[in-house]
N, C-alpha and C. Protein backbone atom coordinates (compact mmCIF):
# COMPACT_ATOMS: atom_id res chain seq x y z
N MET A 1 -20.89 -14.27 13.48
CA MET A 1 -19.54 -13.79 13.74
C MET A 1 -19.18 -13.93 15.21
N MET A 2 -20.17 -13.74 16.06
CA MET A 2 -19.91 -13.80 17.50
C MET A 2 -19.40 -15.18 17.91
N ALA A 3 -19.97 -16.23 17.33
CA ALA A 3 -19.59 -17.58 17.72
C ALA A 3 -18.17 -17.92 17.27
N LYS A 4 -17.80 -17.50 16.06
CA LYS A 4 -16.49 -17.85 15.52
C LYS A 4 -15.38 -16.89 15.93
N PHE A 5 -15.70 -15.60 16.06
CA PHE A 5 -14.68 -14.59 16.32
C PHE A 5 -15.09 -13.65 17.45
N PRO A 6 -15.31 -14.20 18.65
CA PRO A 6 -15.81 -13.34 19.74
C PRO A 6 -14.83 -12.26 20.16
N ASP A 7 -13.54 -12.56 20.21
CA ASP A 7 -12.56 -11.56 20.64
C ASP A 7 -12.44 -10.42 19.63
N GLU A 8 -12.41 -10.78 18.36
CA GLU A 8 -12.30 -9.77 17.30
C GLU A 8 -13.53 -8.85 17.30
N LEU A 9 -14.72 -9.45 17.43
CA LEU A 9 -15.95 -8.66 17.44
C LEU A 9 -15.99 -7.75 18.66
N THR A 10 -15.59 -8.26 19.81
CA THR A 10 -15.57 -7.45 21.03
C THR A 10 -14.64 -6.25 20.86
N CYS A 11 -13.44 -6.48 20.33
CA CYS A 11 -12.48 -5.39 20.13
C CYS A 11 -13.01 -4.36 19.14
N ASP A 12 -13.60 -4.83 18.04
CA ASP A 12 -14.13 -3.91 17.04
C ASP A 12 -15.28 -3.08 17.61
N MET A 13 -16.17 -3.71 18.37
CA MET A 13 -17.30 -2.97 18.95
C MET A 13 -16.81 -1.92 19.95
N ALA A 14 -15.80 -2.28 20.73
CA ALA A 14 -15.26 -1.33 21.69
C ALA A 14 -14.57 -0.17 20.97
N GLU A 15 -13.77 -0.48 19.97
CA GLU A 15 -13.03 0.56 19.25
C GLU A 15 -13.95 1.46 18.43
N THR A 16 -14.88 0.87 17.71
CA THR A 16 -15.70 1.64 16.78
C THR A 16 -16.89 2.31 17.46
N TYR A 17 -17.56 1.60 18.34
CA TYR A 17 -18.81 2.11 18.90
C TYR A 17 -18.76 2.39 20.40
N GLY A 18 -17.66 2.06 21.06
CA GLY A 18 -17.56 2.27 22.50
C GLY A 18 -18.40 1.28 23.30
N ILE A 19 -18.71 0.14 22.71
CA ILE A 19 -19.50 -0.90 23.39
C ILE A 19 -18.54 -1.93 23.96
N PHE A 20 -18.47 -1.99 25.29
CA PHE A 20 -17.51 -2.87 25.93
C PHE A 20 -18.12 -4.18 26.41
N ASP A 21 -19.43 -4.21 26.58
CA ASP A 21 -20.11 -5.44 26.99
C ASP A 21 -21.14 -5.78 25.92
N ILE A 22 -20.71 -6.53 24.92
CA ILE A 22 -21.59 -6.78 23.78
C ILE A 22 -22.75 -7.71 24.12
N LYS A 23 -22.66 -8.42 25.24
CA LYS A 23 -23.76 -9.31 25.63
C LYS A 23 -24.97 -8.54 26.13
N ARG A 24 -24.79 -7.26 26.42
CA ARG A 24 -25.92 -6.44 26.88
C ARG A 24 -26.63 -5.74 25.72
N VAL A 25 -26.07 -5.86 24.51
CA VAL A 25 -26.65 -5.20 23.33
C VAL A 25 -27.62 -6.17 22.67
N PRO A 26 -28.81 -5.72 22.29
CA PRO A 26 -29.75 -6.59 21.59
C PRO A 26 -29.10 -7.18 20.32
N VAL A 27 -29.41 -8.44 20.05
CA VAL A 27 -28.78 -9.17 18.96
C VAL A 27 -28.98 -8.46 17.62
N LYS A 28 -30.19 -7.97 17.35
CA LYS A 28 -30.45 -7.30 16.07
C LYS A 28 -29.58 -6.06 15.92
N LEU A 29 -29.45 -5.27 16.97
CA LEU A 29 -28.60 -4.08 16.93
C LEU A 29 -27.13 -4.47 16.76
N LEU A 30 -26.71 -5.49 17.48
CA LEU A 30 -25.34 -5.96 17.36
C LEU A 30 -25.02 -6.41 15.94
N ALA A 31 -25.96 -7.13 15.33
CA ALA A 31 -25.77 -7.58 13.95
C ALA A 31 -25.69 -6.40 12.99
N THR A 32 -26.54 -5.41 13.19
CA THR A 32 -26.52 -4.21 12.34
C THR A 32 -25.19 -3.48 12.47
N LEU A 33 -24.73 -3.34 13.70
CA LEU A 33 -23.45 -2.65 13.92
C LEU A 33 -22.27 -3.45 13.35
N ALA A 34 -22.34 -4.76 13.46
CA ALA A 34 -21.27 -5.61 12.93
C ALA A 34 -21.17 -5.49 11.41
N VAL A 35 -22.32 -5.46 10.75
CA VAL A 35 -22.32 -5.32 9.29
C VAL A 35 -21.74 -3.96 8.90
N GLY A 36 -21.95 -2.96 9.73
CA GLY A 36 -21.47 -1.62 9.45
C GLY A 36 -19.99 -1.39 9.72
N LEU A 37 -19.30 -2.39 10.24
CA LEU A 37 -17.87 -2.23 10.49
C LEU A 37 -17.12 -2.10 9.18
N ARG A 38 -16.03 -1.37 9.20
CA ARG A 38 -15.24 -1.18 7.97
C ARG A 38 -14.64 -2.51 7.53
N GLU A 39 -14.26 -2.59 6.27
CA GLU A 39 -13.76 -3.85 5.69
C GLU A 39 -12.45 -4.32 6.33
N ASP A 40 -11.67 -3.40 6.89
CA ASP A 40 -10.41 -3.81 7.52
C ASP A 40 -10.55 -3.97 9.04
N SER A 41 -11.79 -4.15 9.50
CA SER A 41 -12.00 -4.41 10.93
C SER A 41 -11.47 -5.81 11.27
N ARG A 42 -11.17 -6.03 12.53
CA ARG A 42 -10.61 -7.32 12.96
C ARG A 42 -11.52 -8.49 12.60
N VAL A 43 -12.80 -8.33 12.87
CA VAL A 43 -13.72 -9.44 12.67
C VAL A 43 -13.91 -9.75 11.18
N LYS A 44 -13.98 -8.72 10.33
CA LYS A 44 -14.15 -8.98 8.90
C LYS A 44 -12.87 -9.56 8.30
N MET A 45 -11.72 -9.13 8.77
CA MET A 45 -10.46 -9.71 8.28
C MET A 45 -10.35 -11.17 8.74
N ALA A 46 -10.73 -11.45 9.98
CA ALA A 46 -10.67 -12.82 10.49
C ALA A 46 -11.63 -13.72 9.69
N LYS A 47 -12.80 -13.19 9.37
CA LYS A 47 -13.78 -13.95 8.60
C LYS A 47 -13.24 -14.31 7.21
N ARG A 48 -12.49 -13.38 6.60
CA ARG A 48 -11.89 -13.63 5.28
C ARG A 48 -10.59 -14.43 5.38
N GLY A 49 -10.05 -14.57 6.57
CA GLY A 49 -8.77 -15.26 6.73
C GLY A 49 -7.60 -14.38 6.35
N ALA A 50 -7.80 -13.07 6.32
CA ALA A 50 -6.75 -12.13 5.93
C ALA A 50 -5.83 -11.83 7.11
N LEU A 51 -4.53 -11.75 6.82
CA LEU A 51 -3.55 -11.42 7.85
C LEU A 51 -3.28 -9.93 7.92
N VAL A 52 -3.41 -9.24 6.79
CA VAL A 52 -3.23 -7.80 6.74
C VAL A 52 -4.36 -7.20 5.92
N ASN A 53 -4.58 -5.88 6.09
CA ASN A 53 -5.68 -5.26 5.36
C ASN A 53 -5.30 -5.01 3.90
N THR A 54 -6.30 -4.75 3.09
CA THR A 54 -6.12 -4.57 1.65
C THR A 54 -5.20 -3.40 1.34
N GLN A 55 -5.32 -2.32 2.09
CA GLN A 55 -4.47 -1.14 1.85
C GLN A 55 -2.99 -1.49 2.03
N THR A 56 -2.67 -2.26 3.03
CA THR A 56 -1.28 -2.66 3.26
C THR A 56 -0.76 -3.52 2.12
N VAL A 57 -1.58 -4.44 1.63
CA VAL A 57 -1.19 -5.29 0.50
C VAL A 57 -0.94 -4.44 -0.74
N LEU A 58 -1.84 -3.49 -1.02
CA LEU A 58 -1.70 -2.64 -2.20
C LEU A 58 -0.47 -1.75 -2.10
N LEU A 59 -0.21 -1.19 -0.93
CA LEU A 59 0.97 -0.36 -0.75
C LEU A 59 2.26 -1.17 -0.92
N ALA A 60 2.27 -2.38 -0.40
CA ALA A 60 3.45 -3.24 -0.56
C ALA A 60 3.68 -3.56 -2.02
N LYS A 61 2.61 -3.86 -2.75
CA LYS A 61 2.72 -4.15 -4.18
C LYS A 61 3.22 -2.93 -4.94
N LEU A 62 2.71 -1.76 -4.60
CA LEU A 62 3.13 -0.52 -5.24
C LEU A 62 4.62 -0.26 -5.02
N ILE A 63 5.09 -0.48 -3.81
CA ILE A 63 6.50 -0.30 -3.51
C ILE A 63 7.35 -1.28 -4.31
N ASP A 64 6.91 -2.53 -4.39
CA ASP A 64 7.65 -3.53 -5.17
C ASP A 64 7.75 -3.10 -6.63
N VAL A 65 6.64 -2.64 -7.20
CA VAL A 65 6.63 -2.23 -8.60
C VAL A 65 7.53 -1.01 -8.81
N LEU A 66 7.42 -0.02 -7.93
CA LEU A 66 8.22 1.18 -8.07
C LEU A 66 9.71 0.90 -7.91
N ARG A 67 10.06 0.01 -7.02
CA ARG A 67 11.48 -0.36 -6.88
C ARG A 67 11.99 -0.97 -8.17
N GLY A 68 11.19 -1.82 -8.78
CA GLY A 68 11.59 -2.42 -10.05
C GLY A 68 11.75 -1.39 -11.14
N VAL A 69 10.85 -0.42 -11.19
CA VAL A 69 10.93 0.63 -12.21
C VAL A 69 12.19 1.45 -12.00
N GLU A 70 12.45 1.84 -10.77
CA GLU A 70 13.60 2.70 -10.49
C GLU A 70 14.93 2.01 -10.78
N TYR A 71 15.06 0.78 -10.39
CA TYR A 71 16.34 0.10 -10.54
C TYR A 71 16.56 -0.46 -11.94
N ASP A 72 15.50 -0.68 -12.68
CA ASP A 72 15.63 -1.21 -14.04
C ASP A 72 15.66 -0.12 -15.10
N ASN A 73 15.39 1.11 -14.70
CA ASN A 73 15.28 2.21 -15.65
C ASN A 73 16.64 2.82 -15.91
N PRO A 74 17.19 2.67 -17.13
CA PRO A 74 18.51 3.22 -17.41
C PRO A 74 18.54 4.73 -17.45
N LEU A 75 17.37 5.38 -17.56
CA LEU A 75 17.32 6.84 -17.61
C LEU A 75 17.17 7.47 -16.23
N SER A 76 16.98 6.66 -15.21
CA SER A 76 16.70 7.18 -13.88
C SER A 76 17.92 7.12 -12.98
N LEU A 77 18.15 8.21 -12.29
CA LEU A 77 19.23 8.23 -11.29
C LEU A 77 18.65 8.23 -9.88
N THR A 78 17.34 7.99 -9.77
CA THR A 78 16.70 8.02 -8.46
C THR A 78 17.32 7.02 -7.51
N ALA A 79 17.60 5.82 -7.99
CA ALA A 79 18.21 4.81 -7.12
C ALA A 79 19.56 5.29 -6.61
N GLN A 80 20.34 5.93 -7.47
CA GLN A 80 21.63 6.47 -7.06
C GLN A 80 21.44 7.59 -6.04
N CYS A 81 20.44 8.44 -6.25
CA CYS A 81 20.16 9.53 -5.32
C CYS A 81 19.80 8.99 -3.94
N PHE A 82 19.00 7.91 -3.91
CA PHE A 82 18.65 7.30 -2.64
C PHE A 82 19.90 6.79 -1.94
N ALA A 83 20.81 6.23 -2.69
CA ALA A 83 22.03 5.69 -2.11
C ALA A 83 22.91 6.80 -1.55
N ASP A 84 22.85 7.99 -2.16
CA ASP A 84 23.69 9.11 -1.72
C ASP A 84 23.15 9.81 -0.49
N GLY A 85 21.90 9.60 -0.17
CA GLY A 85 21.36 10.20 1.04
C GLY A 85 20.19 11.13 0.76
N PRO A 86 19.63 11.71 1.83
CA PRO A 86 18.41 12.49 1.71
C PRO A 86 18.59 13.83 1.02
N THR A 87 19.82 14.26 0.78
CA THR A 87 20.01 15.58 0.16
C THR A 87 19.66 15.55 -1.31
N GLY A 88 19.61 14.35 -1.91
CA GLY A 88 19.29 14.25 -3.31
C GLY A 88 20.48 14.48 -4.21
N SER A 89 21.65 14.71 -3.61
CA SER A 89 22.83 14.92 -4.44
C SER A 89 23.27 13.59 -5.04
N THR A 90 23.93 13.66 -6.15
CA THR A 90 24.40 12.45 -6.79
C THR A 90 25.82 12.64 -7.27
N THR A 91 26.55 11.58 -7.27
CA THR A 91 27.93 11.65 -7.71
C THR A 91 28.06 11.26 -9.18
N ALA A 92 26.93 11.06 -9.85
CA ALA A 92 26.94 10.65 -11.26
C ALA A 92 27.48 11.80 -12.11
N PRO A 93 28.33 11.48 -13.07
CA PRO A 93 28.83 12.53 -13.96
C PRO A 93 27.71 13.13 -14.78
N LYS A 94 27.85 14.40 -15.14
CA LYS A 94 26.81 15.11 -15.89
C LYS A 94 26.51 14.44 -17.23
N GLU A 95 27.46 13.70 -17.80
CA GLU A 95 27.23 13.05 -19.08
C GLU A 95 26.12 12.01 -19.01
N GLN A 96 25.79 11.54 -17.81
CA GLN A 96 24.74 10.52 -17.68
C GLN A 96 23.34 11.11 -17.79
N TYR A 97 23.23 12.42 -17.69
CA TYR A 97 21.92 13.06 -17.82
C TYR A 97 21.62 13.31 -19.28
N GLU A 98 20.36 13.10 -19.64
CA GLU A 98 19.92 13.44 -20.99
C GLU A 98 18.76 14.40 -20.88
N ILE A 99 18.77 15.39 -21.74
CA ILE A 99 17.70 16.39 -21.76
C ILE A 99 16.95 16.24 -23.06
N PHE A 100 15.62 16.25 -22.97
CA PHE A 100 14.78 16.06 -24.15
C PHE A 100 13.95 17.31 -24.39
N ASP A 101 13.83 17.65 -25.66
CA ASP A 101 13.06 18.82 -26.04
C ASP A 101 11.58 18.54 -26.22
N SER A 102 11.24 17.26 -26.32
CA SER A 102 9.83 16.92 -26.54
C SER A 102 9.57 15.50 -26.02
N PRO A 103 8.30 15.18 -25.80
CA PRO A 103 7.95 13.82 -25.39
C PRO A 103 8.34 12.80 -26.46
N GLU A 104 8.24 13.21 -27.72
CA GLU A 104 8.59 12.29 -28.81
C GLU A 104 10.07 11.92 -28.76
N ALA A 105 10.93 12.91 -28.48
CA ALA A 105 12.37 12.65 -28.39
C ALA A 105 12.66 11.68 -27.24
N PHE A 106 11.97 11.88 -26.13
CA PHE A 106 12.15 10.98 -24.99
C PHE A 106 11.72 9.56 -25.36
N LYS A 107 10.54 9.44 -25.97
CA LYS A 107 10.03 8.11 -26.35
C LYS A 107 10.96 7.41 -27.33
N LYS A 108 11.53 8.18 -28.27
CA LYS A 108 12.46 7.60 -29.24
C LYS A 108 13.70 7.06 -28.53
N ARG A 109 14.24 7.85 -27.59
CA ARG A 109 15.43 7.40 -26.86
C ARG A 109 15.09 6.20 -25.97
N TRP A 110 13.93 6.23 -25.37
CA TRP A 110 13.48 5.12 -24.52
C TRP A 110 13.42 3.82 -25.33
N ALA A 111 12.88 3.92 -26.54
CA ALA A 111 12.78 2.75 -27.41
C ALA A 111 14.17 2.23 -27.78
N GLU A 112 15.10 3.14 -28.03
CA GLU A 112 16.47 2.74 -28.35
C GLU A 112 17.11 1.97 -27.19
N LEU A 113 16.93 2.51 -25.99
CA LEU A 113 17.51 1.85 -24.82
C LEU A 113 16.83 0.53 -24.51
N SER A 114 15.54 0.44 -24.80
CA SER A 114 14.80 -0.80 -24.54
C SER A 114 15.24 -1.94 -25.45
N ARG A 115 15.68 -1.60 -26.64
CA ARG A 115 16.13 -2.63 -27.58
C ARG A 115 17.48 -3.21 -27.16
N ASN A 116 18.26 -2.45 -26.43
CA ASN A 116 19.62 -2.91 -26.05
C ASN A 116 19.61 -3.81 -24.86
């Protein structure tokens, strides 16, 4: 790793272990410490060719999926609430709300709306 990614390894060693001059550390110890770096460390990401860490990718995917659910869901007014501001108030008429007495009633209505 030192030969291919010297800057990344130096930064990771300084940040994680407080080692600022990695050339003074024995090679075996340096290798052990490098293996112990977290998966989203600079050197491990550079080795994988990753531009962002896994957590960022997963969060972005989650946001994409949730946006699709909110805007495609005919039973949800969350998108409208976001548009109205942080107070959560909505200008939607009360007739747009549906109240269900049971999960089965909700699922039945969901199936009806999905067919349309």
